Protein backbone atom coordinates (compact mmCIF):
# COMPACT_ATOMS: atom_id res chain seq x y z
CA MET A 1 40.96 30.69 -138.94
CA MET A 2 38.16 32.92 -137.58
CA GLN A 3 38.90 35.42 -134.86
CA LYS A 4 36.53 35.33 -131.88
CA LYS A 5 34.79 38.55 -131.45
CA GLY A 6 36.18 40.98 -128.95
CA MET A 7 39.29 38.89 -128.32
CA THR A 8 42.43 40.80 -127.12
CA ALA A 9 45.99 39.94 -126.27
CA ARG A 10 45.19 40.62 -122.50
CA GLY A 11 42.20 38.33 -122.74
CA LEU A 12 44.13 35.54 -124.31
CA ALA A 13 46.89 35.92 -121.74
CA LEU A 14 44.29 35.82 -118.99
CA GLU A 15 42.63 32.72 -120.30
CA THR A 16 45.96 30.98 -120.81
CA LEU A 17 47.20 31.61 -117.28
CA VAL A 18 43.84 30.58 -115.73
CA GLN A 19 43.61 27.36 -117.62
CA TRP A 20 47.26 26.50 -116.95
CA THR A 21 47.18 27.19 -113.19
CA GLY A 22 47.02 23.91 -111.23
CA SER A 23 47.21 21.74 -114.35
CA GLY A 24 50.83 20.74 -113.86
CA LYS A 25 51.07 20.64 -117.63
CA PRO A 26 53.60 22.57 -119.82
CA VAL A 27 52.24 26.07 -120.57
CA GLN A 28 53.24 25.82 -124.16
CA GLY A 29 50.26 23.58 -124.97
CA PHE A 30 47.90 26.20 -123.65
CA ILE A 31 49.70 28.95 -125.52
CA ASN A 32 49.31 26.96 -128.77
CA ARG A 33 45.71 26.16 -128.21
CA ILE A 34 44.47 29.54 -126.86
CA ILE A 35 46.84 32.13 -128.29
CA HIS A 36 48.41 30.73 -131.55
CA ASP A 37 45.08 29.32 -132.76
CA SER A 38 43.06 32.48 -131.83
CA GLY A 39 43.13 34.15 -135.28
CA LEU A 40 44.39 37.35 -133.80
CA LYS A 41 47.07 39.42 -135.68
CA ASN A 42 50.58 38.31 -135.17
CA GLU A 43 51.57 41.31 -133.07
CA GLU A 44 48.79 40.61 -130.71
CA ARG A 45 49.59 37.04 -130.47
CA GLN A 46 53.18 37.93 -129.67
CA LEU A 47 52.08 40.36 -126.95
CA ALA A 48 49.82 37.65 -125.37
CA VAL A 49 52.72 35.14 -125.23
CA MET A 50 55.12 37.80 -123.91
CA LEU A 51 52.66 38.64 -120.97
CA VAL A 52 52.17 34.96 -120.08
CA LEU A 53 55.92 34.22 -119.96
CA ALA A 54 56.75 37.55 -118.24
CA VAL A 55 54.20 36.67 -115.39
CA LEU A 56 55.69 33.19 -114.98
CA ARG A 57 59.35 34.67 -114.82
CA GLU A 58 58.36 37.14 -112.18
CA GLN A 59 55.40 35.66 -110.31
CA GLU A 60 56.91 35.92 -106.82
CA TYR A 61 57.86 39.58 -107.29
CA LEU A 62 54.48 40.53 -108.81
CA ASP A 63 52.75 38.76 -105.86
CA LEU A 64 54.88 40.79 -103.32
CA LEU A 65 53.69 44.11 -104.97
CA ILE A 66 50.06 42.99 -105.18
CA SER A 67 50.08 41.96 -101.55
CA SER A 68 51.39 45.35 -100.44
CA PHE A 69 48.44 47.17 -102.24
CA SER A 70 45.58 44.72 -101.73
CA LYS A 71 43.61 44.24 -98.50
CA THR A 72 42.37 40.81 -99.89
CA LYS A 73 44.95 38.04 -99.34
CA LEU A 74 46.28 36.50 -102.45
CA ARG A 75 45.27 32.98 -101.30
CA LYS A 76 41.64 34.17 -101.10
CA MET A 77 41.52 35.50 -104.63
CA LYS A 78 40.15 33.51 -107.53
CA PRO A 79 42.68 32.36 -110.20
CA LEU A 80 41.18 34.81 -112.64
CA THR A 81 41.48 37.92 -110.36
CA LEU A 82 45.10 37.10 -109.36
CA ALA A 83 45.94 36.40 -112.97
CA ALA A 84 44.52 39.77 -114.07
CA LEU A 85 46.47 41.54 -111.32
CA ARG A 86 49.76 39.91 -112.24
CA ILE A 87 49.21 40.75 -115.97
CA GLY A 88 48.49 44.34 -115.11
CA VAL A 89 51.41 44.70 -112.72
CA VAL A 90 53.99 43.03 -115.01
CA GLN A 91 53.03 45.57 -117.67
CA ILE A 92 53.23 48.58 -115.33
CA CYS A 93 56.45 47.54 -113.49
CA ARG A 94 58.48 45.38 -115.86
CA LEU A 95 57.41 46.11 -119.50
CA GLU A 96 58.58 49.75 -120.20
CA ARG A 97 57.14 49.88 -123.66
CA ILE A 98 53.62 49.63 -122.46
CA PRO A 99 52.07 52.96 -121.09
CA ASP A 100 50.58 52.61 -117.67
CA SER A 101 47.21 53.70 -118.89
CA ALA A 102 47.10 51.04 -121.56
CA ALA A 103 48.28 48.43 -119.04
CA VAL A 104 45.38 49.19 -116.58
CA ASN A 105 42.67 50.00 -119.08
CA GLU A 106 43.23 46.97 -121.39
CA THR A 107 43.54 44.58 -118.59
CA VAL A 108 40.20 45.71 -116.99
CA LYS A 109 38.57 45.76 -120.46
CA ALA A 110 39.57 42.09 -120.84
CA LEU A 111 37.83 41.24 -117.57
CA LYS A 112 34.72 43.10 -118.63
CA LYS A 113 34.64 41.25 -121.99
CA MET A 114 34.71 38.01 -119.88
CA ARG A 115 31.59 39.30 -118.24
CA GLN A 116 33.16 39.64 -114.82
CA PRO A 117 31.08 41.48 -112.06
CA GLY A 118 31.51 45.25 -111.80
CA TRP A 119 32.90 45.15 -108.23
CA LEU A 120 35.71 42.83 -109.45
CA CYS A 121 36.66 44.98 -112.30
CA SER A 122 36.62 47.99 -110.02
CA PHE A 123 38.91 46.08 -107.48
CA VAL A 124 41.37 45.24 -110.21
CA ASN A 125 41.20 48.69 -111.71
CA GLY A 126 41.74 50.34 -108.28
CA THR A 127 44.64 48.14 -107.32
CA LEU A 128 46.41 48.55 -110.57
CA ARG A 129 46.08 52.39 -110.56
CA ASN A 130 47.35 52.62 -107.05
CA ILE A 131 50.44 50.57 -108.02
CA ALA A 132 50.92 52.59 -111.17
CA ARG A 133 50.84 55.82 -109.19
CA SER A 134 53.51 54.54 -106.70
CA LYS A 135 55.68 52.68 -109.18
CA GLU A 136 58.62 55.13 -108.81
CA SER A 137 59.02 54.25 -105.25
CA LEU A 138 58.53 50.54 -105.57
CA PRO A 139 61.49 48.20 -104.76
CA SER A 140 63.23 46.47 -107.61
CA PRO A 141 63.32 42.65 -107.79
CA GLU A 142 66.85 42.83 -106.54
CA GLU A 143 65.84 44.40 -103.19
CA ALA A 144 62.10 43.45 -102.66
CA GLY A 145 62.82 40.26 -100.65
CA PRO A 146 63.16 40.04 -96.86
CA GLY A 147 65.60 42.47 -95.52
CA GLY A 148 66.28 43.95 -98.99
CA THR A 149 67.40 40.67 -100.54
CA PRO A 150 66.71 39.69 -104.12
CA VAL A 151 63.46 38.08 -105.05
CA LEU A 152 64.37 34.83 -106.62
CA ASN A 153 61.06 33.97 -108.35
CA HIS A 154 61.59 30.25 -107.85
CA PRO A 155 60.11 27.77 -105.41
CA VAL A 156 62.03 27.52 -102.13
CA TRP A 157 62.80 23.75 -102.44
CA LEU A 158 64.51 24.50 -105.68
CA THR A 159 66.63 27.38 -104.56
CA GLU A 160 67.61 25.49 -101.40
CA ARG A 161 68.87 22.48 -103.30
CA TRP A 162 70.75 24.78 -105.76
CA GLN A 163 72.39 26.67 -102.86
CA GLU A 164 73.53 23.30 -101.35
CA HIS A 165 74.87 22.06 -104.68
CA PHE A 166 76.31 25.27 -106.09
CA GLY A 167 76.66 27.82 -103.29
CA ARG A 168 74.50 30.91 -102.60
CA GLU A 169 76.06 33.22 -105.08
CA GLN A 170 75.83 30.74 -107.96
CA MET A 171 72.23 29.88 -107.03
CA GLN A 172 71.27 33.63 -107.19
CA ALA A 173 73.06 33.94 -110.52
CA ILE A 174 71.04 30.97 -111.91
CA CYS A 175 67.77 32.46 -110.73
CA ARG A 176 68.72 35.91 -112.12
CA VAL A 177 69.44 34.59 -115.54
CA ASN A 178 66.15 32.39 -115.50
CA ASN A 179 64.12 35.49 -114.84
CA THR A 180 65.23 37.08 -118.06
CA GLU A 181 64.07 36.48 -121.58
CA PRO A 182 66.53 34.51 -123.61
CA ALA A 183 68.10 35.47 -126.88
CA LEU A 184 67.35 33.41 -129.94
CA CYS A 185 70.05 30.83 -130.61
CA LEU A 186 70.40 29.25 -134.03
CA GLN A 187 72.50 26.40 -135.31
CA VAL A 188 73.71 26.83 -138.86
CA ASN A 189 72.99 23.99 -141.20
CA GLN A 190 76.48 23.27 -142.54
CA VAL A 191 75.09 21.06 -145.23
CA ARG A 192 73.59 24.16 -146.89
CA THR A 193 75.42 27.17 -145.78
CA ASP A 194 78.07 28.46 -143.19
CA GLN A 195 77.99 30.81 -140.29
CA GLU A 196 79.53 33.80 -142.19
CA THR A 197 77.20 33.48 -145.19
CA LEU A 198 74.13 33.23 -143.03
CA ALA A 199 75.06 36.19 -140.84
CA GLU A 200 75.53 38.30 -143.99
CA GLN A 201 72.12 37.21 -145.18
CA PHE A 202 70.54 38.37 -141.84
CA SER A 203 72.51 41.62 -141.92
CA GLU A 204 71.13 42.47 -145.43
CA GLN A 205 67.72 42.18 -143.80
CA GLY A 206 68.68 44.44 -140.86
CA ILE A 207 68.95 41.58 -138.43
CA ARG A 208 71.95 41.78 -136.11
CA THR A 209 73.76 38.55 -135.16
CA GLU A 210 76.76 37.51 -133.25
CA PRO A 211 78.59 34.17 -133.12
CA GLY A 212 78.08 31.88 -130.15
CA SER A 213 80.99 31.78 -127.64
CA PHE A 214 81.13 28.01 -127.29
CA ALA A 215 79.69 26.12 -130.29
CA LEU A 216 81.31 26.83 -133.65
CA ASP A 217 78.13 26.83 -135.84
CA SER A 218 75.91 29.03 -133.54
CA LEU A 219 74.42 32.44 -134.19
CA ILE A 220 72.84 34.56 -131.52
CA LEU A 221 69.96 36.97 -132.36
CA GLN A 222 69.81 39.22 -129.31
CA GLU A 223 66.82 41.31 -130.54
CA GLN A 224 64.83 38.92 -132.46
CA ARG A 225 61.17 38.68 -131.06
CA GLY A 226 59.12 37.73 -134.07
CA ALA A 227 58.27 34.31 -135.51
CA VAL A 228 61.32 32.15 -136.46
CA THR A 229 59.62 31.06 -139.52
CA ASP A 230 59.73 34.62 -140.84
CA LEU A 231 63.57 34.75 -140.65
CA PRO A 232 65.48 34.66 -144.03
CA GLY A 233 66.59 31.14 -144.71
CA PHE A 234 64.16 29.24 -142.58
CA THR A 235 62.11 27.78 -145.49
CA GLU A 236 65.38 26.89 -147.22
CA GLY A 237 66.61 24.93 -144.16
CA LEU A 238 69.60 27.14 -143.56
CA PHE A 239 69.31 26.83 -139.74
CA GLN A 240 67.36 25.53 -136.79
CA VAL A 241 66.63 26.82 -133.38
CA GLN A 242 68.93 25.04 -130.87
CA ASP A 243 70.99 26.07 -127.90
CA GLN A 244 74.71 25.81 -127.86
CA ALA A 245 74.75 23.21 -125.21
CA ALA A 246 72.63 20.77 -127.25
CA ARG A 247 74.90 21.41 -130.25
CA LEU A 248 78.04 20.65 -128.14
CA ALA A 249 76.67 17.49 -126.71
CA CYS A 250 76.31 16.09 -130.16
CA GLU A 251 80.04 16.41 -130.61
CA LEU A 252 80.55 13.83 -127.87
CA LEU A 253 79.77 11.00 -130.24
CA ARG A 254 83.11 11.88 -131.89
CA PRO A 255 85.25 10.43 -133.47
CA PHE A 256 82.61 9.61 -136.24
CA LYS A 257 83.50 6.58 -138.32
CA GLU A 258 83.42 6.29 -142.08
CA GLN A 259 80.45 4.00 -142.87
CA GLY A 260 79.51 4.12 -139.19
CA ARG A 261 76.08 3.36 -137.94
CA TYR A 262 74.56 5.70 -135.34
CA LEU A 263 71.26 6.02 -133.34
CA ASP A 264 69.32 8.89 -131.89
CA GLY A 265 67.38 7.00 -129.29
CA CYS A 266 65.07 9.78 -128.05
CA ALA A 267 64.79 12.00 -131.19
CA GLY A 268 61.79 14.19 -130.30
CA LEU A 269 61.34 16.96 -132.82
CA GLY A 270 64.72 16.28 -134.28
CA GLY A 271 66.92 19.11 -133.17
CA LYS A 272 69.86 16.94 -132.23
CA THR A 273 69.01 14.47 -135.04
CA CYS A 274 69.60 17.26 -137.57
CA ILE A 275 72.86 18.26 -135.94
CA LEU A 276 74.13 14.61 -135.93
CA ALA A 277 73.07 14.13 -139.50
CA ALA A 278 75.01 17.13 -140.59
CA LEU A 279 78.12 16.10 -138.53
CA LEU A 280 78.29 12.48 -139.75
CA PRO A 281 80.58 11.42 -142.65
CA GLN A 282 78.79 11.25 -145.94
CA ASP A 283 78.66 7.38 -146.02
CA ALA A 284 77.59 6.99 -142.37
CA SER A 285 73.96 6.26 -141.49
CA LEU A 286 71.67 7.50 -138.71
CA VAL A 287 68.47 6.02 -137.23
CA ALA A 288 66.13 8.23 -135.29
CA VAL A 289 63.56 6.66 -132.92
CA GLU A 290 60.55 8.67 -131.74
CA PRO A 291 57.35 6.90 -130.56
CA ASP A 292 54.93 9.93 -130.60
CA GLN A 293 53.10 10.41 -133.80
CA ARG A 294 53.00 14.20 -133.79
CA ARG A 295 56.65 14.52 -132.84
CA SER A 296 57.67 11.89 -135.40
CA ARG A 297 55.83 13.87 -138.14
CA LEU A 298 57.55 17.16 -137.08
CA LEU A 299 60.90 15.34 -136.95
CA GLN A 300 60.52 14.21 -140.54
CA GLU A 301 59.43 17.75 -141.57
CA ASN A 302 62.54 19.19 -139.92
CA LEU A 303 64.88 16.70 -141.63
CA GLN A 304 63.09 17.40 -145.02
CA ARG A 305 63.42 21.28 -144.61
CA GLN A 306 67.15 21.02 -143.91
CA GLY A 307 67.82 18.65 -146.69
CA LEU A 308 68.87 15.79 -144.34
CA SER A 309 66.03 13.20 -144.75
CA GLU A 310 67.91 10.94 -147.07
CA LYS A 311 70.67 10.53 -144.39
CA VAL A 312 68.29 9.47 -141.62
CA GLU A 313 66.04 6.53 -141.23
CA THR A 314 63.07 7.55 -138.88
CA VAL A 315 61.32 4.95 -136.77
CA GLN A 316 58.02 5.73 -134.97
CA GLN A 317 58.65 3.53 -132.07
CA GLY A 318 59.95 3.61 -128.52
CA LEU A 319 63.53 2.60 -127.88
CA GLN A 320 62.59 -0.64 -126.13
CA GLY A 321 60.36 -1.70 -128.96
CA PHE A 322 62.94 -0.84 -131.50
CA ALA A 323 65.56 -2.94 -129.68
CA ALA A 324 63.29 -5.86 -129.55
CA ASP A 325 62.44 -5.70 -133.32
CA ASP A 326 65.87 -4.75 -134.70
CA ASP A 327 69.02 -6.67 -134.29
CA ARG A 328 71.38 -3.96 -135.75
CA LEU A 329 74.28 -2.79 -133.54
CA PHE A 330 75.55 0.86 -133.49
CA ASP A 331 78.84 2.65 -133.39
CA GLY A 332 77.31 5.43 -131.47
CA ILE A 333 74.07 6.15 -129.66
CA PHE A 334 72.81 9.51 -128.39
CA ILE A 335 70.21 9.34 -125.42
CA ASP A 336 68.63 12.73 -124.81
CA ALA A 337 66.60 11.37 -121.87
CA PRO A 338 63.27 12.84 -120.59
CA CYS A 339 63.93 14.91 -117.39
CA SER A 340 62.72 17.64 -115.20
CA GLY A 341 64.16 20.29 -117.49
CA THR A 342 65.54 22.51 -114.61
CA GLY A 343 68.40 23.62 -116.90
CA ILE A 344 66.17 25.27 -119.40
CA ILE A 345 63.84 27.28 -117.01
CA ARG A 346 64.89 30.52 -118.76
CA LYS A 347 63.25 29.29 -122.08
CA HIS A 348 60.37 27.48 -120.24
CA PRO A 349 59.66 29.46 -117.07
CA ASP A 350 56.58 27.31 -116.19
CA ILE A 351 58.99 24.43 -115.27
CA ARG A 352 59.88 26.05 -112.02
CA TRP A 353 56.22 26.09 -110.83
CA ASN A 354 55.22 22.67 -112.33
CA ARG A 355 57.95 20.53 -110.70
CA GLN A 356 58.02 18.92 -107.23
CA PRO A 357 61.07 17.30 -105.43
CA GLU A 358 59.75 13.89 -105.93
CA ASP A 359 59.79 14.34 -109.73
CA LEU A 360 63.59 14.16 -109.70
CA VAL A 361 63.62 10.54 -108.33
CA SER A 362 60.58 9.32 -110.32
CA SER A 363 62.34 9.98 -113.60
CA GLN A 364 65.40 7.95 -112.79
CA LYS A 365 63.67 4.68 -113.50
CA THR A 366 62.90 5.78 -117.06
CA GLN A 367 66.39 7.23 -117.58
CA LEU A 368 68.16 4.10 -116.48
CA ALA A 369 65.88 1.87 -118.51
CA LEU A 370 66.80 3.95 -121.59
CA LEU A 371 70.52 3.62 -120.92
CA GLN A 372 70.23 -0.10 -120.23
CA THR A 373 68.36 -0.65 -123.53
CA ALA A 374 70.88 1.51 -125.39
CA ALA A 375 73.66 -0.60 -123.87
CA THR A 376 72.38 -3.71 -125.70
CA LEU A 377 72.58 -1.95 -129.04
CA ILE A 378 76.19 -0.63 -128.82
CA LYS A 379 79.00 -2.38 -130.71
CA PRO A 380 82.28 -3.22 -128.80
CA GLY A 381 84.24 0.03 -128.76
CA GLY A 382 81.12 2.03 -129.47
CA VAL A 383 80.19 5.38 -127.81
CA LEU A 384 77.09 5.90 -125.66
CA VAL A 385 76.19 9.62 -124.77
CA TYR A 386 73.69 10.18 -122.07
CA ALA A 387 72.22 13.74 -121.96
CA THR A 388 69.58 15.74 -120.10
CA CYS A 389 68.64 19.40 -119.78
CA SER A 390 68.62 18.98 -115.99
CA LEU A 391 70.78 20.45 -113.17
CA GLU A 392 69.88 17.72 -110.67
CA PRO A 393 72.29 14.96 -109.59
CA GLU A 394 69.46 12.43 -109.32
CA GLU A 395 68.92 12.73 -113.11
CA ASN A 396 72.48 13.06 -114.04
CA GLN A 397 75.55 11.86 -112.07
CA GLN A 398 73.58 9.39 -110.10
CA VAL A 399 72.03 7.82 -113.21
CA VAL A 400 75.45 7.40 -114.75
CA GLU A 401 76.92 5.97 -111.56
CA GLN A 402 74.06 3.39 -111.18
CA PHE A 403 74.49 2.42 -114.85
CA LEU A 404 78.27 1.87 -114.57
CA THR A 405 77.79 -0.21 -111.52
CA THR A 406 75.66 -2.71 -113.38
CA ASN A 407 77.43 -2.36 -116.73
CA PRO A 408 81.18 -2.96 -116.15
CA ALA A 409 81.91 -3.24 -119.92
CA PHE A 410 81.31 0.57 -120.02
CA ALA A 411 83.72 3.20 -118.88
CA LEU A 412 83.36 6.95 -118.46
CA THR A 413 85.48 9.18 -120.67
CA ASP A 414 86.46 12.90 -120.27
CA CYS A 415 84.08 15.09 -122.41
CA ARG A 416 86.74 17.74 -122.65
CA ASP A 417 88.74 15.63 -125.08
CA PHE A 418 85.90 15.67 -127.64
CA LEU A 419 84.85 19.32 -127.44
CA PRO A 420 86.23 22.46 -129.11
CA ALA A 421 88.62 24.42 -126.92
CA SER A 422 86.12 27.19 -126.48
CA ALA A 423 83.86 24.82 -124.53
CA ALA A 424 86.57 23.30 -122.18
CA SER A 425 85.37 25.41 -119.27
CA LEU A 426 81.99 23.73 -119.49
CA VAL A 427 83.34 20.29 -118.37
CA ASP A 428 83.44 19.62 -114.69
CA ALA A 429 86.12 17.80 -112.59
CA GLN A 430 84.62 14.32 -113.21
CA GLY A 431 84.68 14.89 -116.96
CA PHE A 432 80.96 15.50 -117.39
CA PHE A 433 79.75 18.27 -119.76
CA ALA A 434 77.75 20.21 -117.34
CA PRO A 435 77.21 23.93 -118.07
CA LEU A 436 75.12 25.96 -115.61
CA PRO A 437 72.58 28.41 -117.17
CA THR A 438 74.10 31.82 -118.05
CA GLU A 439 73.24 34.53 -120.47
CA GLU A 440 75.00 32.58 -123.28
CA ILE A 441 74.10 28.90 -122.66
CA GLU A 442 71.40 26.69 -121.13
CA GLY A 443 71.97 24.39 -118.29
CA PHE A 444 72.74 20.87 -119.50
CA PHE A 445 74.36 17.58 -118.64
CA ALA A 446 76.14 14.91 -120.82
CA ALA A 447 78.30 11.89 -120.04
CA ARG A 448 80.34 10.06 -122.66
CA LEU A 449 80.55 6.23 -122.11
CA VAL A 450 82.53 3.82 -124.07
CA ARG A 451 82.01 0.11 -124.31
CA SER A 452 85.17 -1.97 -124.11
CA ALA A 453 86.44 -3.47 -127.35
CA LEU A 454 86.57 -6.99 -126.05
């Protein structure tokens, strides 16, 4: 891979933010294409990604600071100008490891290498230097809002609905955690190792870990910032990256049957597929359905790496097509439905800026269709788990309620009865598994539905 001449971390971050702005698409695709495929050294690529994600997490706060130092209104700035200022300010005010001089000089240098006019470079340079000189007296995000209130760094429509659903204090707590960088959470592959052995292996390499508070096979790496593929045991398939919430949701298919037949109806890259394959009895079988060619290939690679490919039949097809072509019935089906992703904003900070209120209703049709199709594939007495990484009732409770109304053969069961005691607090009064985002776990939702045996 050839490195483009003169390319820098700030330049890559600038280009990524500018191309992403207004696209409505996940920023990760831009990061992959612009940063990861750049040919720059690993440290520079990591810095570029860190800058992009830091800007997205603190965008509202950064804009408040820029507005107080710039005579030009933000709405009149070109996307490149605003992105450069945001990148500069996030380094000055939020990334303590970067000297102010480097933050200013390297950001301006990136603009010059993009052949921006001298007056624009001078404007950005002057604005950033003024902010750097005043940074000791600048308000923190906790007090920079109106009347000294916290800056939430989320669109108003989202914070208003969270306040309505969860209360003001809980809403602010969710926003606060979403504005921080998450620790790396790994799920230990119990087929090949155990939590204690893997923790010792990391410790020998100077990598500090701690067990997850909720899921029994989880390891948390608070200080890990490098590539996951460089961690000891990755190539050997000793673990995978997966949050505790997703790990726990897989438990809801219990009790697993000897010689049982199971289906992952929306397999994606295979995170939950691998967990299910490791949980199942040795003589049980698992089918993983994924229509996208790229994701299907990565699903197979993940299964292969973790030594689970022989236990899983992968099908590159959508669930509806699979149901039409295959007459098998299953003892358990896991549906991890596509959704708004508002529970995983901490990991994917662009979600907050990409979503609109109408998105929450538009996804209902797809989610219900997946559930209805899955219902035709369940044996009498079988278990159907519906899951999302959303906090929104339209995609969660309302979907389950509509499904139960039209499918009287299914009944809701209490998730608490199938989770470890450490996760009991994550189940709500209705019996749904519904953790809100915290420092330790992502926001998630899962319902456990059982078809009557008759």
